[in-house]
Amino acid sequence: MIFLDTCILIDLSKDKIVLDLKQNYCISSIVRLEFKAGALNKRELKKINRILSEIKFVDTDQSILNLADSLMEKHTLSHGMSIYDSIIAATCMIYGLPLWTYNRKDFKYIEELQLFEL
């Protein structure tokens, strides 16, 4: 299974890429919220909700939040890590999932995180 970053879902919603979301992809609540926050109107929100209804979700539990806190402690000053990116990275690390993102610069410094490559 591959964890999708928000940027991948945005391209999917703009028909820049095609994915069978019921196959080997998943997201978490953080990605879902980021994706919905980008809707500019009701039509876009409807399309986003349709995409979200087809994709698998993984839970965000306390162990993920604890790891995200450690990642923030380690990387926020040196690399400007955001809260959202720390939770996304922690989720992938806890579940052992590779992260598919176009924003590799936001994650490449985390040695324990596997980034998906096409």
C-alpha atoms as a PDB file:
ATOM      1  CA  MET A   1       0.000   0.000   0.000  1.00  0.00           C
ATOM      2  CA  ILE A   2       1.173   3.548  -0.782  1.00  0.00           C
ATOM      3  CA  PHE A   3       0.294   6.635   1.269  1.00  0.00           C
ATOM      4  CA  LEU A   4      -0.759   9.594  -0.897  1.00  0.00           C
ATOM      5  CA  ASP A   5       0.184  13.147   0.005  1.00  0.00           C
ATOM      6  CA  THR A   6      -2.340  15.902  -0.613  1.00  0.00           C
ATOM      7  CA  CYS A   7      -0.536  17.118  -3.740  1.00  0.00           C
ATOM      8  CA  ILE A   8      -1.204  13.757  -5.441  1.00  0.00           C
ATOM      9  CA  LEU A   9      -4.925  14.005  -4.664  1.00  0.00           C
ATOM     10  CA  ILE A  10      -4.989  17.552  -6.029  1.00  0.00           C
ATOM     11  CA  ASP A  11      -3.532  16.353  -9.339  1.00  0.00           C
ATOM     12  CA  LEU A  12      -6.048  13.507  -9.352  1.00  0.00           C
ATOM     13  CA  SER A  13      -8.921  15.962  -8.860  1.00  0.00           C
ATOM     14  CA  LYS A  14      -7.586  18.095 -11.746  1.00  0.00           C
ATOM     15  CA  ASP A  15      -7.378  15.004 -13.987  1.00  0.00           C
ATOM     16  CA  LYS A  16      -3.584  15.350 -14.302  1.00  0.00           C
ATOM     17  CA  ILE A  17      -3.140  11.737 -13.185  1.00  0.00           C
ATOM     18  CA  VAL A  18      -5.355   8.632 -13.140  1.00  0.00           C
ATOM     19  CA  LEU A  19      -5.363   6.190 -10.216  1.00  0.00           C
ATOM     20  CA  ASP A  20      -7.563   3.292  -9.178  1.00  0.00           C
ATOM     21  CA  LEU A  21      -7.974   4.451  -5.579  1.00  0.00           C
ATOM     22  CA  LYS A  22      -9.510   1.192  -4.405  1.00  0.00           C
ATOM     23  CA  GLN A  23      -6.275  -0.665  -5.133  1.00  0.00           C
ATOM     24  CA  ASN A  24      -3.131   0.074  -3.160  1.00  0.00           C
ATOM     25  CA  TYR A  25      -3.470   3.646  -1.915  1.00  0.00           C
ATOM     26  CA  CYS A  26      -4.446   5.199   1.383  1.00  0.00           C
ATOM     27  CA  ILE A  27      -4.555   8.516   3.246  1.00  0.00           C
ATOM     28  CA  SER A  28      -5.179   9.753   6.784  1.00  0.00           C
ATOM     29  CA  SER A  29      -7.442  12.363   8.343  1.00  0.00           C
ATOM     30  CA  ILE A  30      -4.779  15.066   7.956  1.00  0.00           C
ATOM     31  CA  VAL A  31      -4.570  14.563   4.191  1.00  0.00           C
ATOM     32  CA  ARG A  32      -8.368  14.448   3.961  1.00  0.00           C
ATOM     33  CA  LEU A  33      -8.630  17.790   5.804  1.00  0.00           C
ATOM     34  CA  GLU A  34      -5.892  19.435   3.723  1.00  0.00           C
ATOM     35  CA  PHE A  35      -7.565  18.222   0.519  1.00  0.00           C
ATOM     36  CA  LYS A  36     -10.990  19.546   1.536  1.00  0.00           C
ATOM     37  CA  ALA A  37      -9.508  22.880   2.638  1.00  0.00           C
ATOM     38  CA  GLY A  38      -8.441  23.509  -0.960  1.00  0.00           C
ATOM     39  CA  ALA A  39     -11.969  23.436  -2.377  1.00  0.00           C
ATOM     40  CA  LEU A  40     -12.861  26.762  -3.969  1.00  0.00           C
ATOM     41  CA  ASN A  41     -16.584  26.083  -4.417  1.00  0.00           C
ATOM     42  CA  LYS A  42     -19.314  23.485  -3.862  1.00  0.00           C
ATOM     43  CA  ARG A  43     -18.651  21.793  -7.190  1.00  0.00           C
ATOM     44  CA  GLU A  44     -14.997  21.197  -6.254  1.00  0.00           C
ATOM     45  CA  LEU A  45     -15.963  20.007  -2.773  1.00  0.00           C
ATOM     46  CA  LYS A  46     -18.391  17.511  -4.322  1.00  0.00           C
ATOM     47  CA  LYS A  47     -15.612  16.151  -6.573  1.00  0.00           C
ATOM     48  CA  ILE A  48     -13.222  15.978  -3.605  1.00  0.00           C
ATOM     49  CA  ASN A  49     -15.794  14.084  -1.533  1.00  0.00           C
ATOM     50  CA  ARG A  50     -16.338  11.650  -4.413  1.00  0.00           C
ATOM     51  CA  ILE A  51     -12.593  10.952  -4.574  1.00  0.00           C
ATOM     52  CA  LEU A  52     -12.392  10.587  -0.784  1.00  0.00           C
ATOM     53  CA  SER A  53     -15.268   8.092  -0.772  1.00  0.00           C
ATOM     54  CA  GLU A  54     -13.177   5.744  -2.925  1.00  0.00           C
ATOM     55  CA  ILE A  55      -9.948   5.744  -0.940  1.00  0.00           C
ATOM     56  CA  LYS A  56      -8.828   3.752   2.086  1.00  0.00           C
ATOM     57  CA  PHE A  57      -8.131   5.550   5.359  1.00  0.00           C
ATOM     58  CA  VAL A  58      -5.617   4.724   8.050  1.00  0.00           C
ATOM     59  CA  ASP A  59      -6.189   5.858  11.612  1.00  0.00           C
ATOM     60  CA  THR A  60      -4.160   8.517  13.354  1.00  0.00           C
ATOM     61  CA  ASP A  61      -3.569   7.291  16.890  1.00  0.00           C
ATOM     62  CA  GLN A  62      -1.517   8.467  19.846  1.00  0.00           C
ATOM     63  CA  SER A  63       1.610   6.616  18.719  1.00  0.00           C
ATOM     64  CA  ILE A  64       1.543   8.596  15.464  1.00  0.00           C
ATOM     65  CA  LEU A  65       1.074  11.869  17.312  1.00  0.00           C
ATOM     66  CA  ASN A  66       3.933  11.001  19.682  1.00  0.00           C
ATOM     67  CA  LEU A  67       6.240  10.273  16.751  1.00  0.00           C
ATOM     68  CA  ALA A  68       5.080  13.456  14.991  1.00  0.00           C
ATOM     69  CA  ASP A  69       6.020  15.382  18.126  1.00  0.00           C
ATOM     70  CA  SER A  70       9.502  13.839  18.059  1.00  0.00           C
ATOM     71  CA  LEU A  71       9.870  14.671  14.361  1.00  0.00           C
ATOM     72  CA  MET A  72       8.862  18.279  15.039  1.00  0.00           C
ATOM     73  CA  GLU A  73      11.385  18.490  17.864  1.00  0.00           C
ATOM     74  CA  LYS A  74      14.119  17.168  15.598  1.00  0.00           C
ATOM     75  CA  HIS A  75      13.308  18.907  12.298  1.00  0.00           C
ATOM     76  CA  THR A  76      11.191  22.041  12.710  1.00  0.00           C
ATOM     77  CA  LEU A  77      14.069  24.431  13.437  1.00  0.00           C
ATOM     78  CA  SER A  78      16.528  22.897  10.971  1.00  0.00           C
ATOM     79  CA  HIS A  79      14.130  22.193   8.092  1.00  0.00           C
ATOM     80  CA  GLY A  80      10.937  24.124   8.846  1.00  0.00           C
ATOM     81  CA  MET A  81       8.853  20.984   9.220  1.00  0.00           C
ATOM     82  CA  SER A  82       5.140  21.734   9.474  1.00  0.00           C
ATOM     83  CA  ILE A  83       2.708  20.107  11.861  1.00  0.00           C
ATOM     84  CA  TYR A  84       0.857  18.488   8.960  1.00  0.00           C
ATOM     85  CA  ASP A  85       4.011  17.086   7.377  1.00  0.00           C
ATOM     86  CA  SER A  86       5.180  15.693  10.718  1.00  0.00           C
ATOM     87  CA  ILE A  87       1.888  13.813  11.138  1.00  0.00           C
ATOM     88  CA  ILE A  88       1.981  12.549   7.539  1.00  0.00           C
ATOM     89  CA  ALA A  89       5.576  11.342   7.931  1.00  0.00           C
ATOM     90  CA  ALA A  90       4.822   9.738  11.304  1.00  0.00           C
ATOM     91  CA  THR A  91       1.798   7.946   9.856  1.00  0.00           C
ATOM     92  CA  CYS A  92       3.885   6.462   7.060  1.00  0.00           C
ATOM     93  CA  MET A  93       6.617   5.437   9.471  1.00  0.00           C
ATOM     94  CA  ILE A  94       4.246   3.778  11.975  1.00  0.00           C
ATOM     95  CA  TYR A  95       2.362   1.865   9.255  1.00  0.00           C
ATOM     96  CA  GLY A  96       5.511   1.092   7.235  1.00  0.00           C
ATOM     97  CA  LEU A  97       4.115   2.790   4.141  1.00  0.00           C
ATOM     98  CA  PRO A  98       6.006   4.615   1.408  1.00  0.00           C
ATOM     99  CA  LEU A  99       4.899   8.225   0.876  1.00  0.00           C
ATOM    100  CA  TRP A 100       4.052   9.413  -2.636  1.00  0.00           C
ATOM    101  CA  THR A 101       4.555  13.162  -2.803  1.00  0.00           C
ATOM    102  CA  TYR A 102       5.782  15.773  -5.251  1.00  0.00           C
ATOM    103  CA  ASN A 103       7.104  17.777  -2.294  1.00  0.00           C
ATOM    104  CA  ARG A 104      10.126  15.592  -1.636  1.00  0.00           C
ATOM    105  CA  LYS A 105      12.035  18.540  -0.152  1.00  0.00           C
ATOM    106  CA  ASP A 106       9.549  18.552   2.735  1.00  0.00           C
ATOM    107  CA  PHE A 107      10.443  14.963   3.683  1.00  0.00           C
ATOM    108  CA  LYS A 108      13.818  13.941   2.189  1.00  0.00           C
ATOM    109  CA  TYR A 109      15.729  14.703   5.388  1.00  0.00           C
ATOM    110  CA  ILE A 110      13.809  12.055   7.375  1.00  0.00           C
ATOM    111  CA  GLU A 111      16.034   9.012   7.017  1.00  0.00           C
ATOM    112  CA  GLU A 112      13.467   6.562   8.388  1.00  0.00           C
ATOM    113  CA  LEU A 113      10.795   7.615   5.858  1.00  0.00           C
ATOM    114  CA  GLN A 114      10.503   5.778   2.562  1.00  0.00           C
ATOM    115  CA  LEU A 115       9.534   8.018  -0.357  1.00  0.00           C
ATOM    116  CA  PHE A 116       7.701   6.355  -3.259  1.00  0.00           C
ATOM    117  CA  GLU A 117       9.295   6.669  -6.683  1.00  0.00           C
ATOM    118  CA  LEU A 118       7.546   5.977  -9.982  1.00  0.00           C
END
